[in-house]
C-alpha atoms as a PDB file:
ATOM      1  CA  UNK A   1      67.671  -0.762 -47.615  1.00  0.00           C
ATOM      2  CA  UNK A   2      68.956  -2.645 -44.575  1.00  0.00           C
ATOM      3  CA  UNK A   3      71.523  -5.417 -44.746  1.00  0.00           C
ATOM      4  CA  UNK A   4      70.062  -8.839 -43.848  1.00  0.00           C
ATOM      5  CA  UNK A   5      71.387 -10.260 -40.571  1.00  0.00           C
ATOM      6  CA  UNK A   6      70.048 -13.846 -40.736  1.00  0.00           C
ATOM      7  CA  UNK A   7      70.912 -15.136 -44.187  1.00  0.00           C
ATOM      8  CA  UNK A   8      69.846 -18.393 -45.847  1.00  0.00           C
ATOM      9  CA  UNK A   9      72.747 -19.598 -48.027  1.00  0.00           C
ATOM     10  CA  UNK A  10      72.007 -21.469 -51.288  1.00  0.00           C
ATOM     11  CA  UNK A  11      75.062 -23.491 -52.333  1.00  0.00           C
ATOM     12  CA  UNK A  12      75.791 -24.859 -55.836  1.00  0.00           C
ATOM     13  CA  UNK A  13      75.922 -28.447 -54.649  1.00  0.00           C
ATOM     14  CA  UNK A  14      73.871 -31.142 -52.980  1.00  0.00           C
ATOM     15  CA  UNK A  15      74.585 -32.131 -49.392  1.00  0.00           C
ATOM     16  CA  UNK A  16      73.074 -35.358 -48.114  1.00  0.00           C
ATOM     17  CA  UNK A  17      72.078 -33.918 -44.733  1.00  0.00           C
ATOM     18  CA  UNK A  18      68.980 -32.239 -43.385  1.00  0.00           C
ATOM     19  CA  UNK A  19      68.998 -30.278 -40.184  1.00  0.00           C
ATOM     20  CA  UNK A  20      70.848 -27.567 -38.343  1.00  0.00           C
ATOM     21  CA  UNK A  21      74.573 -27.218 -38.892  1.00  0.00           C
ATOM     22  CA  UNK A  22      77.172 -24.949 -37.256  1.00  0.00           C
ATOM     23  CA  UNK A  23      77.740 -23.054 -40.514  1.00  0.00           C
ATOM     24  CA  UNK A  24      79.369 -20.098 -38.745  1.00  0.00           C
ATOM     25  CA  UNK A  25      82.225 -22.368 -37.635  1.00  0.00           C
ATOM     26  CA  UNK A  26      83.239 -23.507 -41.140  1.00  0.00           C
ATOM     27  CA  UNK A  27      81.875 -20.942 -43.618  1.00  0.00           C
ATOM     28  CA  UNK A  28      83.559 -17.516 -43.502  1.00  0.00           C
ATOM     29  CA  UNK A  29      82.543 -15.232 -46.405  1.00  0.00           C
ATOM     30  CA  UNK A  30      84.644 -12.142 -47.050  1.00  0.00           C
ATOM     31  CA  UNK A  31      83.850  -9.045 -49.099  1.00  0.00           C
ATOM     32  CA  UNK A  32      85.367  -8.622 -52.565  1.00  0.00           C
ATOM     33  CA  UNK A  33      84.614  -6.967 -55.901  1.00  0.00           C
ATOM     34  CA  UNK A  34      83.898  -8.480 -59.301  1.00  0.00           C
ATOM     35  CA  UNK A  35      83.646  -7.036 -62.782  1.00  0.00           C
ATOM     36  CA  UNK A  36      83.440  -3.243 -62.776  1.00  0.00           C
ATOM     37  CA  UNK A  37      83.633  -2.767 -58.982  1.00  0.00           C
ATOM     38  CA  UNK A  38      80.448  -4.752 -58.220  1.00  0.00           C
ATOM     39  CA  UNK A  39      80.299  -5.761 -54.560  1.00  0.00           C
ATOM     40  CA  UNK A  40      80.378  -9.493 -53.869  1.00  0.00           C
ATOM     41  CA  UNK A  41      81.304 -12.060 -51.230  1.00  0.00           C
ATOM     42  CA  UNK A  42      83.690 -14.972 -51.572  1.00  0.00           C
ATOM     43  CA  UNK A  43      84.223 -18.104 -49.528  1.00  0.00           C
ATOM     44  CA  UNK A  44      85.696 -21.593 -49.713  1.00  0.00           C
ATOM     45  CA  UNK A  45      83.671 -24.785 -49.432  1.00  0.00           C
ATOM     46  CA  UNK A  46      85.471 -28.134 -49.574  1.00  0.00           C
ATOM     47  CA  UNK A  47      88.399 -26.453 -51.300  1.00  0.00           C
ATOM     48  CA  UNK A  48      86.310 -24.800 -54.034  1.00  0.00           C
ATOM     49  CA  UNK A  49      86.131 -21.036 -54.335  1.00  0.00           C
ATOM     50  CA  UNK A  50      82.575 -19.702 -54.222  1.00  0.00           C
ATOM     51  CA  UNK A  51      81.339 -16.209 -54.968  1.00  0.00           C
ATOM     52  CA  UNK A  52      77.987 -14.507 -54.361  1.00  0.00           C
ATOM     53  CA  UNK A  53      76.350 -11.169 -54.846  1.00  0.00           C
ATOM     54  CA  UNK A  54      75.163  -9.464 -51.636  1.00  0.00           C
ATOM     55  CA  UNK A  55      72.170 -11.154 -50.003  1.00  0.00           C
ATOM     56  CA  UNK A  56      68.744 -10.433 -51.483  1.00  0.00           C
ATOM     57  CA  UNK A  57      66.512  -8.949 -48.755  1.00  0.00           C
ATOM     58  CA  UNK A  58      63.686 -11.463 -48.447  1.00  0.00           C
ATOM     59  CA  UNK A  59      61.951 -12.671 -45.294  1.00  0.00           C
ATOM     60  CA  UNK A  60      61.047 -16.305 -44.846  1.00  0.00           C
ATOM     61  CA  UNK A  61      60.653 -19.218 -42.477  1.00  0.00           C
ATOM     62  CA  UNK A  62      62.123 -22.706 -42.762  1.00  0.00           C
ATOM     63  CA  UNK A  63      59.855 -25.330 -41.221  1.00  0.00           C
ATOM     64  CA  UNK A  64      60.854 -28.810 -40.160  1.00  0.00           C
ATOM     65  CA  UNK A  65      58.119 -31.431 -40.122  1.00  0.00           C
ATOM     66  CA  UNK A  66      60.170 -33.779 -37.948  1.00  0.00           C
ATOM     67  CA  UNK A  67      60.457 -31.572 -34.892  1.00  0.00           C
ATOM     68  CA  UNK A  68      58.375 -28.496 -35.788  1.00  0.00           C
ATOM     69  CA  UNK A  69      61.329 -26.116 -35.500  1.00  0.00           C
ATOM     70  CA  UNK A  70      61.009 -22.767 -37.184  1.00  0.00           C
ATOM     71  CA  UNK A  71      63.981 -20.776 -38.372  1.00  0.00           C
ATOM     72  CA  UNK A  72      63.437 -17.254 -39.653  1.00  0.00           C
ATOM     73  CA  UNK A  73      65.690 -15.482 -42.132  1.00  0.00           C
ATOM     74  CA  UNK A  74      65.699 -12.021 -43.656  1.00  0.00           C
ATOM     75  CA  UNK A  75      67.942 -12.579 -46.677  1.00  0.00           C
ATOM     76  CA  UNK A  76      68.931 -15.187 -49.267  1.00  0.00           C
ATOM     77  CA  UNK A  77      72.438 -15.394 -50.667  1.00  0.00           C
ATOM     78  CA  UNK A  78      72.946 -17.613 -53.700  1.00  0.00           C
ATOM     79  CA  UNK A  79      76.498 -18.888 -54.108  1.00  0.00           C
ATOM     80  CA  UNK A  80      78.079 -19.833 -57.448  1.00  0.00           C
ATOM     81  CA  UNK A  81      81.336 -21.273 -58.642  1.00  0.00           C
ATOM     82  CA  UNK A  82      83.390 -18.226 -59.531  1.00  0.00           C
ATOM     83  CA  UNK A  83      83.199 -18.591 -63.298  1.00  0.00           C
ATOM     84  CA  UNK A  84      79.376 -18.781 -63.409  1.00  0.00           C
ATOM     85  CA  UNK A  85      78.435 -15.637 -61.446  1.00  0.00           C
ATOM     86  CA  UNK A  86      79.062 -12.852 -63.936  1.00  0.00           C
ATOM     87  CA  UNK A  87      76.234 -12.305 -66.418  1.00  0.00           C
ATOM     88  CA  UNK A  88      73.853 -14.938 -65.077  1.00  0.00           C
ATOM     89  CA  UNK A  89      70.453 -14.399 -63.500  1.00  0.00           C
ATOM     90  CA  UNK A  90      70.233 -16.070 -60.122  1.00  0.00           C
ATOM     91  CA  UNK A  91      67.604 -18.680 -59.310  1.00  0.00           C
ATOM     92  CA  UNK A  92      66.387 -16.429 -56.479  1.00  0.00           C
ATOM     93  CA  UNK A  93      65.842 -13.503 -58.879  1.00  0.00           C
ATOM     94  CA  UNK A  94      64.043 -15.794 -61.349  1.00  0.00           C
ATOM     95  CA  UNK A  95      61.764 -17.145 -58.589  1.00  0.00           C
ATOM     96  CA  UNK A  96      60.881 -13.638 -57.446  1.00  0.00           C
ATOM     97  CA  UNK A  97      60.032 -12.646 -61.023  1.00  0.00           C
ATOM     98  CA  UNK A  98      57.920 -15.783 -61.458  1.00  0.00           C
ATOM     99  CA  UNK A  99      55.856 -15.013 -58.355  1.00  0.00           C
ATOM    100  CA  UNK A 100      54.923 -11.648 -59.903  1.00  0.00           C
ATOM    101  CA  UNK A 101      53.897 -13.347 -63.158  1.00  0.00           C
ATOM    102  CA  UNK A 102      51.922 -16.050 -61.313  1.00  0.00           C
ATOM    103  CA  UNK A 103      50.037 -13.433 -59.306  1.00  0.00           C
ATOM    104  CA  UNK A 104      49.130 -11.553 -62.495  1.00  0.00           C
ATOM    105  CA  UNK A 105      47.870 -14.756 -64.112  1.00  0.00           C
ATOM    106  CA  UNK A 106      45.588 -15.520 -61.159  1.00  0.00           C
ATOM    107  CA  UNK A 107      44.299 -11.967 -60.546  1.00  0.00           C
ATOM    108  CA  UNK A 108      40.736 -11.165 -61.511  1.00  0.00           C
ATOM    109  CA  UNK A 109      40.348  -9.674 -64.963  1.00  0.00           C
ATOM    110  CA  UNK A 110      38.613  -6.304 -64.742  1.00  0.00           C
ATOM    111  CA  UNK A 111      35.300  -6.224 -66.618  1.00  0.00           C
ATOM    112  CA  UNK A 112      34.906  -3.202 -68.852  1.00  0.00           C
ATOM    113  CA  UNK A 113      31.392  -1.829 -69.076  1.00  0.00           C
END
């Protein structure tokens, strides 16, 4: 499995801004471990410590209706406040599971003869 190079970060807060931002200038994740030597990343955002599991490999495109810009990514990293990471299922994992269930619901039912 390859490590994603263009990562879409999901933060545990709402930011009243839409558009490109120089994230690389202000957001500097570092590697750490949590629990029983599980790899993770940590960072600071507005003075709050954030922690995330390694990025989930997932390709996607972000489209902007205003100026038709396309931004491609090959991983999603969901950040949490430190105390909520251990033992919780991420929203990204839940969405990926739901897409499998939704596909099964809409698949044709085989007819037995």
